[in-house]
N, C-alpha and C. Protein backbone atom coordinates (compact mmCIF):
# COMPACT_ATOMS: atom_id res chain seq x y z
N UNK A 1 -63.53 54.59 22.63
CA UNK A 1 -63.47 53.61 23.41
C UNK A 1 -62.50 52.63 22.95
N UNK A 2 -62.25 52.41 23.52
CA UNK A 2 -60.79 51.55 23.01
C UNK A 2 -61.30 50.00 23.10
N UNK A 3 -60.82 49.09 21.54
CA UNK A 3 -61.21 47.58 21.77
C UNK A 3 -59.81 46.74 23.18
N UNK A 4 -60.31 46.24 23.61
CA UNK A 4 -59.42 45.80 24.08
C UNK A 4 -59.24 45.87 25.29
N UNK A 5 -58.60 45.73 26.62
CA UNK A 5 -57.83 45.54 27.76
C UNK A 5 -55.53 45.65 27.21
N UNK A 6 -54.96 46.51 27.50
CA UNK A 6 -53.59 46.44 27.40
C UNK A 6 -53.28 45.58 28.86
N UNK A 7 -52.27 44.82 28.28
CA UNK A 7 -51.91 43.07 29.10
C UNK A 7 -49.94 43.70 28.98
N UNK A 8 -49.68 44.08 30.26
CA UNK A 8 -48.32 44.57 30.39
C UNK A 8 -47.48 42.16 30.45
N UNK A 9 -46.90 42.08 29.36
CA UNK A 9 -46.83 40.80 30.18
C UNK A 9 -44.91 40.81 30.36
N UNK A 10 -44.36 40.19 31.51
CA UNK A 10 -43.17 40.20 32.34
C UNK A 10 -43.11 39.00 32.06
N UNK A 11 -43.84 37.96 32.62
CA UNK A 11 -43.69 36.49 32.89
C UNK A 11 -44.29 35.36 31.64
N UNK A 12 -43.77 34.68 31.16
CA UNK A 12 -44.74 33.78 30.42
C UNK A 12 -46.16 33.50 30.61
N UNK A 13 -46.76 33.68 28.78
CA UNK A 13 -47.96 33.39 29.66
C UNK A 13 -48.78 32.26 28.38
N UNK A 14 -49.13 31.73 27.72
CA UNK A 14 -50.01 29.89 27.05
C UNK A 14 -50.00 31.30 26.36
N UNK A 15 -50.11 29.88 25.06
CA UNK A 15 -51.13 30.12 24.30
C UNK A 15 -52.33 30.61 24.35
N UNK A 16 -53.57 29.79 25.14
CA UNK A 16 -54.09 30.13 24.89
C UNK A 16 -54.58 31.35 25.90
N UNK A 17 -53.43 32.03 27.10
CA UNK A 17 -54.50 33.48 27.45
C UNK A 17 -53.45 34.26 26.36
N UNK A 18 -53.11 33.57 25.25
CA UNK A 18 -52.73 34.89 23.78
C UNK A 18 -53.98 34.76 23.38
N UNK A 19 -54.73 34.05 23.38
CA UNK A 19 -56.25 33.86 22.25
C UNK A 19 -57.22 34.05 23.07
N UNK A 20 -57.03 34.77 24.43
CA UNK A 20 -58.15 35.07 25.45
C UNK A 20 -57.71 36.54 24.95
N UNK A 21 -57.09 37.10 25.08
CA UNK A 21 -56.43 38.50 25.04
C UNK A 21 -56.87 38.90 23.36
N UNK A 22 -56.54 38.19 22.12
CA UNK A 22 -57.05 38.02 21.29
C UNK A 22 -59.19 38.20 21.19
N UNK A 23 -59.72 37.87 22.17
CA UNK A 23 -60.98 37.73 21.59
C UNK A 23 -61.31 38.93 22.52
N UNK A 24 -60.38 39.53 23.25
CA UNK A 24 -60.46 40.77 23.46
C UNK A 24 -61.06 42.30 22.78
N UNK A 25 -60.24 41.93 21.73
CA UNK A 25 -59.81 42.60 20.77
C UNK A 25 -60.53 42.26 19.44
N UNK A 26 -59.64 42.14 18.33
CA UNK A 26 -59.75 41.91 16.93
C UNK A 26 -60.41 40.36 16.98
N UNK A 27 -60.19 39.39 17.78
CA UNK A 27 -60.23 38.10 17.65
C UNK A 27 -59.36 37.48 17.24
N UNK A 28 -58.76 37.42 16.15
CA UNK A 28 -57.98 36.52 15.04
C UNK A 28 -56.76 37.35 15.32
N UNK A 29 -55.98 38.54 15.77
CA UNK A 29 -55.00 38.27 16.27
C UNK A 29 -54.72 39.68 17.50
N UNK A 30 -53.30 39.99 18.12
CA UNK A 30 -53.19 40.93 19.16
C UNK A 30 -52.30 41.66 18.85
N UNK A 31 -52.86 42.97 18.53
CA UNK A 31 -51.20 43.84 18.82
C UNK A 31 -50.47 44.24 20.10
N UNK A 32 -49.72 44.28 19.83
CA UNK A 32 -48.54 44.19 20.70
C UNK A 32 -47.04 44.99 20.53
N UNK A 33 -46.73 45.74 21.52
CA UNK A 33 -45.11 46.03 21.58
C UNK A 33 -44.59 45.53 22.38
N UNK A 34 -43.02 45.67 22.20
CA UNK A 34 -42.13 44.51 22.63
C UNK A 34 -41.44 45.53 22.86
N UNK A 35 -40.36 45.78 24.17
CA UNK A 35 -39.87 46.34 24.64
C UNK A 35 -38.45 45.98 24.70
N UNK A 36 -37.40 45.88 23.57
CA UNK A 36 -36.35 44.47 23.44
C UNK A 36 -35.12 45.16 24.38
N UNK A 37 -35.03 46.12 25.25
CA UNK A 37 -34.20 46.27 26.27
C UNK A 37 -34.47 45.87 27.84
N UNK A 38 -36.39 46.26 28.01
CA UNK A 38 -36.32 45.25 29.33
C UNK A 38 -37.08 43.56 29.03
N UNK A 39 -36.73 43.31 28.00
CA UNK A 39 -37.33 42.03 27.49
C UNK A 39 -38.86 41.47 27.90
N UNK A 40 -39.97 42.34 27.43
CA UNK A 40 -41.19 42.54 27.71
C UNK A 40 -42.01 42.71 26.78
N UNK A 41 -43.67 42.97 27.01
CA UNK A 41 -43.85 43.53 26.06
C UNK A 41 -45.83 43.85 26.53
N UNK A 42 -45.92 44.89 25.40
CA UNK A 42 -47.88 44.90 25.95
C UNK A 42 -48.81 44.75 24.83
N UNK A 43 -49.34 44.07 25.33
CA UNK A 43 -50.24 43.21 24.23
C UNK A 43 -52.07 43.89 24.43
N UNK A 44 -52.45 43.46 23.45
CA UNK A 44 -54.02 43.96 23.21
C UNK A 44 -54.09 45.48 22.62
N UNK A 45 -55.42 46.04 22.60
CA UNK A 45 -55.89 47.46 22.09
C UNK A 45 -55.98 47.48 21.17
N UNK A 46 -56.27 48.32 20.79
CA UNK A 46 -56.59 48.69 18.94
C UNK A 46 -55.27 49.41 18.47
N UNK A 47 -54.24 50.44 19.14
CA UNK A 47 -53.77 50.98 18.33
C UNK A 47 -52.26 50.08 19.46
N UNK A 48 -50.68 50.12 18.30
CA UNK A 48 -49.78 49.95 18.67
C UNK A 48 -49.61 51.23 19.64
N UNK A 49 -50.04 52.17 19.20
CA UNK A 49 -49.38 53.61 19.82
C UNK A 49 -49.70 53.38 21.41
N UNK A 50 -51.13 52.85 21.22
CA UNK A 50 -51.24 52.72 23.14
C UNK A 50 -50.66 51.66 23.77
N UNK A 51 -50.37 50.93 23.40
CA UNK A 51 -49.51 49.56 23.55
C UNK A 51 -47.83 50.63 24.17
N UNK A 52 -47.23 51.28 23.21
CA UNK A 52 -46.03 51.63 23.64
C UNK A 52 -46.49 53.06 24.56
N UNK A 53 -47.73 53.50 24.82
CA UNK A 53 -47.67 54.22 25.91
C UNK A 53 -47.97 54.18 26.92
N UNK A 54 -48.09 52.59 27.30
CA UNK A 54 -48.67 52.27 28.57
C UNK A 54 -47.07 51.90 28.70
N UNK A 55 -46.41 51.43 28.07
CA UNK A 55 -45.46 51.04 28.25
C UNK A 55 -43.72 52.16 28.99
N UNK A 56 -44.80 53.18 28.17
CA UNK A 56 -43.82 53.91 29.17
C UNK A 56 -44.03 55.10 30.02
N UNK A 57 -45.66 55.25 30.27
CA UNK A 57 -45.83 55.42 31.76
C UNK A 57 -45.69 54.22 32.50
N UNK A 58 -46.04 53.21 32.30
CA UNK A 58 -45.81 52.24 33.79
C UNK A 58 -44.47 51.60 33.27
N UNK A 59 -43.56 51.28 32.85
CA UNK A 59 -42.38 50.90 32.95
C UNK A 59 -41.37 51.63 33.05
N UNK A 60 -41.57 53.12 32.14
CA UNK A 60 -40.31 54.08 32.19
C UNK A 60 -39.51 53.18 30.71
N UNK A 61 -40.41 52.56 29.83
CA UNK A 61 -39.76 52.22 28.49
C UNK A 61 -39.77 53.65 27.83
N UNK A 62 -38.41 53.07 26.70
CA UNK A 62 -37.51 54.44 26.40
C UNK A 62 -38.18 54.57 24.43
N UNK A 63 -38.83 55.23 24.09
CA UNK A 63 -39.36 54.78 22.58
C UNK A 63 -38.22 54.84 21.80
N UNK A 64 -36.99 54.39 21.79
CA UNK A 64 -36.15 53.81 21.03
C UNK A 64 -36.10 52.13 20.82
N UNK A 65 -36.21 51.82 22.45
CA UNK A 65 -36.87 50.15 22.63
C UNK A 65 -37.91 49.51 22.52
N UNK A 66 -38.45 50.45 21.44
CA UNK A 66 -40.60 50.23 21.70
C UNK A 66 -40.10 49.64 19.77
N UNK A 67 -41.13 48.20 19.19
CA UNK A 67 -41.20 47.82 18.34
C UNK A 67 -42.16 47.35 18.30
N UNK A 68 -43.41 47.87 17.35
CA UNK A 68 -44.45 47.12 17.43
C UNK A 68 -45.23 45.77 16.27
N UNK A 69 -45.51 44.71 17.00
CA UNK A 69 -46.09 43.77 16.00
C UNK A 69 -47.54 43.40 16.53
N UNK A 70 -48.28 42.52 15.37
CA UNK A 70 -49.36 41.96 15.65
C UNK A 70 -48.74 40.38 15.93
N UNK A 71 -50.01 39.63 17.04
CA UNK A 71 -49.47 38.66 16.81
C UNK A 71 -51.03 37.29 16.30
N UNK A 72 -50.98 36.47 15.42
CA UNK A 72 -51.20 35.19 15.42
C UNK A 72 -51.61 34.59 16.21
N UNK A 73 -52.67 34.33 17.24
CA UNK A 73 -52.58 33.22 18.10
C UNK A 73 -52.67 31.86 17.75
N UNK A 74 -53.63 31.59 16.03
CA UNK A 74 -53.40 30.49 15.48
C UNK A 74 -51.90 30.09 14.61
N UNK A 75 -51.81 30.72 14.50
CA UNK A 75 -50.23 30.71 13.64
C UNK A 75 -49.16 30.08 14.45
N UNK A 76 -48.77 29.17 14.13
CA UNK A 76 -47.21 29.08 15.19
C UNK A 76 -45.66 29.60 14.55
N UNK A 77 -44.73 29.09 15.20
CA UNK A 77 -43.43 29.83 14.72
C UNK A 77 -43.47 31.00 14.44
N UNK A 78 -42.29 31.52 13.75
CA UNK A 78 -42.36 32.82 12.92
C UNK A 78 -43.83 33.67 12.56
N UNK A 79 -44.31 32.57 11.63
CA UNK A 79 -45.80 32.95 11.35
C UNK A 79 -46.52 33.63 12.37
N UNK A 80 -46.52 33.48 13.14
CA UNK A 80 -46.78 34.01 14.90
C UNK A 80 -47.15 35.59 14.27
N UNK A 81 -45.19 35.84 14.24
CA UNK A 81 -45.67 37.47 13.87
C UNK A 81 -45.64 38.03 12.85
N UNK A 82 -46.18 39.32 13.20
CA UNK A 82 -45.71 40.07 11.68
C UNK A 82 -45.14 41.47 12.48
N UNK A 83 -44.40 41.97 11.86
CA UNK A 83 -43.97 43.27 11.98
C UNK A 83 -44.30 44.67 10.95
N UNK A 84 -45.40 44.63 11.64
CA UNK A 84 -46.07 45.70 10.51
C UNK A 84 -46.70 47.02 11.93
N UNK A 85 -46.58 48.36 11.99
CA UNK A 85 -47.14 48.92 13.24
C UNK A 85 -46.21 50.15 12.50
N UNK A 86 -46.91 51.41 12.83
CA UNK A 86 -46.93 52.49 12.47
C UNK A 86 -45.41 53.28 13.83
N UNK A 87 -45.84 52.10 14.77
CA UNK A 87 -44.19 52.49 15.94
C UNK A 87 -43.22 51.78 15.13
N UNK A 88 -43.15 51.98 14.04
CA UNK A 88 -41.60 51.16 13.57
C UNK A 88 -40.96 52.54 12.64
N UNK A 89 -42.06 53.60 12.56
CA UNK A 89 -41.23 54.66 11.43
C UNK A 89 -40.66 55.57 12.41
N UNK A 90 -39.26 54.91 12.12
CA UNK A 90 -38.01 55.61 13.50
C UNK A 90 -36.53 55.96 12.36
N UNK A 91 -37.65 57.23 11.41
CA UNK A 91 -36.44 57.22 11.21
C UNK A 91 -34.76 58.04 11.53
N UNK A 92 -35.13 58.48 12.32
CA UNK A 92 -34.43 59.03 12.96
C UNK A 92 -32.85 57.59 13.70
N UNK A 93 -33.66 56.39 13.54
CA UNK A 93 -32.71 55.02 13.89
C UNK A 93 -32.16 54.17 12.52
N UNK A 94 -33.38 54.71 11.54
CA UNK A 94 -32.68 54.31 10.18
C UNK A 94 -33.47 52.96 9.67
N UNK A 95 -34.91 53.48 10.05
CA UNK A 95 -36.34 52.45 10.05
C UNK A 95 -37.36 53.69 9.47
N UNK A 96 -37.72 53.83 8.22
CA UNK A 96 -38.16 54.27 7.25
C UNK A 96 -39.80 53.93 7.23
N UNK A 97 -39.55 52.27 7.32
CA UNK A 97 -40.93 51.78 7.09
C UNK A 97 -41.94 50.81 8.85
N UNK A 98 -43.09 50.44 8.15
CA UNK A 98 -43.72 50.20 9.47
C UNK A 98 -43.31 48.69 9.75
N UNK A 99 -42.20 48.22 8.67
CA UNK A 99 -41.58 47.06 9.14
C UNK A 99 -40.21 47.29 10.43
N UNK A 100 -39.58 46.17 10.49
CA UNK A 100 -39.11 46.17 11.23
C UNK A 100 -37.46 46.06 10.87
N UNK A 101 -36.65 46.95 9.36
CA UNK A 101 -35.30 46.65 8.71
C UNK A 101 -34.37 45.71 9.45
N UNK A 102 -34.49 46.36 10.54
CA UNK A 102 -32.52 45.91 10.79
C UNK A 102 -33.02 44.59 11.76
N UNK A 103 -31.92 43.32 10.70
CA UNK A 103 -32.44 42.03 11.24
C UNK A 103 -32.07 41.65 13.14
N UNK A 104 -31.20 42.61 13.46
CA UNK A 104 -30.45 42.13 14.97
C UNK A 104 -31.67 42.72 16.36
N UNK A 105 -32.70 43.59 15.37
CA UNK A 105 -33.63 43.99 16.14
C UNK A 105 -34.97 43.20 16.05
N UNK A 106 -34.94 42.52 15.16
CA UNK A 106 -36.28 41.72 14.21
C UNK A 106 -36.16 40.23 15.44
N UNK A 107 -34.55 39.71 15.70
CA UNK A 107 -34.37 38.39 16.04
C UNK A 107 -34.87 38.86 17.85
N UNK A 108 -33.88 39.73 18.45
CA UNK A 108 -34.17 39.95 19.72
C UNK A 108 -36.12 40.34 20.20
N UNK A 109 -37.21 40.27 18.66
CA UNK A 109 -37.90 40.80 18.95
C UNK A 109 -38.09 39.12 19.29
N UNK A 110 -37.97 38.09 18.46
CA UNK A 110 -38.58 37.61 18.23
C UNK A 110 -38.36 36.54 19.39
N UNK A 111 -37.30 36.23 19.50
CA UNK A 111 -36.25 35.34 21.25
C UNK A 111 -37.19 36.33 21.69
N UNK A 112 -37.94 37.15 22.42
CA UNK A 112 -39.12 38.15 23.81
C UNK A 112 -40.22 37.39 22.92
N UNK A 113 -40.68 37.44 21.89
CA UNK A 113 -41.74 36.72 21.71
C UNK A 113 -41.59 34.85 22.04
N UNK A 114 -41.07 33.96 22.01
CA UNK A 114 -40.88 33.30 22.32
C UNK A 114 -40.71 32.86 23.67
N UNK A 115 -39.74 33.73 24.85
CA UNK A 115 -39.78 33.89 25.82
C UNK A 115 -41.38 33.73 26.68
N UNK A 116 -41.42 34.36 26.25
CA UNK A 116 -43.08 35.02 26.59
C UNK A 116 -44.16 34.42 26.67
N UNK A 117 -44.69 33.98 25.38
CA UNK A 117 -45.23 33.23 24.71
C UNK A 117 -45.35 31.82 24.75
N UNK A 118 -45.51 30.67 25.34
CA UNK A 118 -45.39 29.39 25.61
C UNK A 118 -46.19 28.78 24.52
N UNK A 119 -45.30 27.55 23.54
CA UNK A 119 -46.47 27.36 22.75
C UNK A 119 -47.03 26.04 23.65
């Protein structure tokens, strides 16, 4: 049985809505996967892999565009985003860690999160 429901976020949500998603899962954090090509993300659930598969199946995202993050609703700015997920291990793209090593990709993720989660 999975923790929490998955939510595909294509339009902006409030910080309060993000907190509700956190309560459905871990309480203090939300796992998510960002599609840097489509500018959307999947939030909630127990595993980043579940979020990635949700995007692949429902909106035909491509694996090379999917990057895992954790969001902390009680923090703000860049402190809200943690780049740590097994989804990020992509040796074929030069990313050999659970983080997001490419600063351009990190910036894209930050911009998408800022656009989709209102302060």
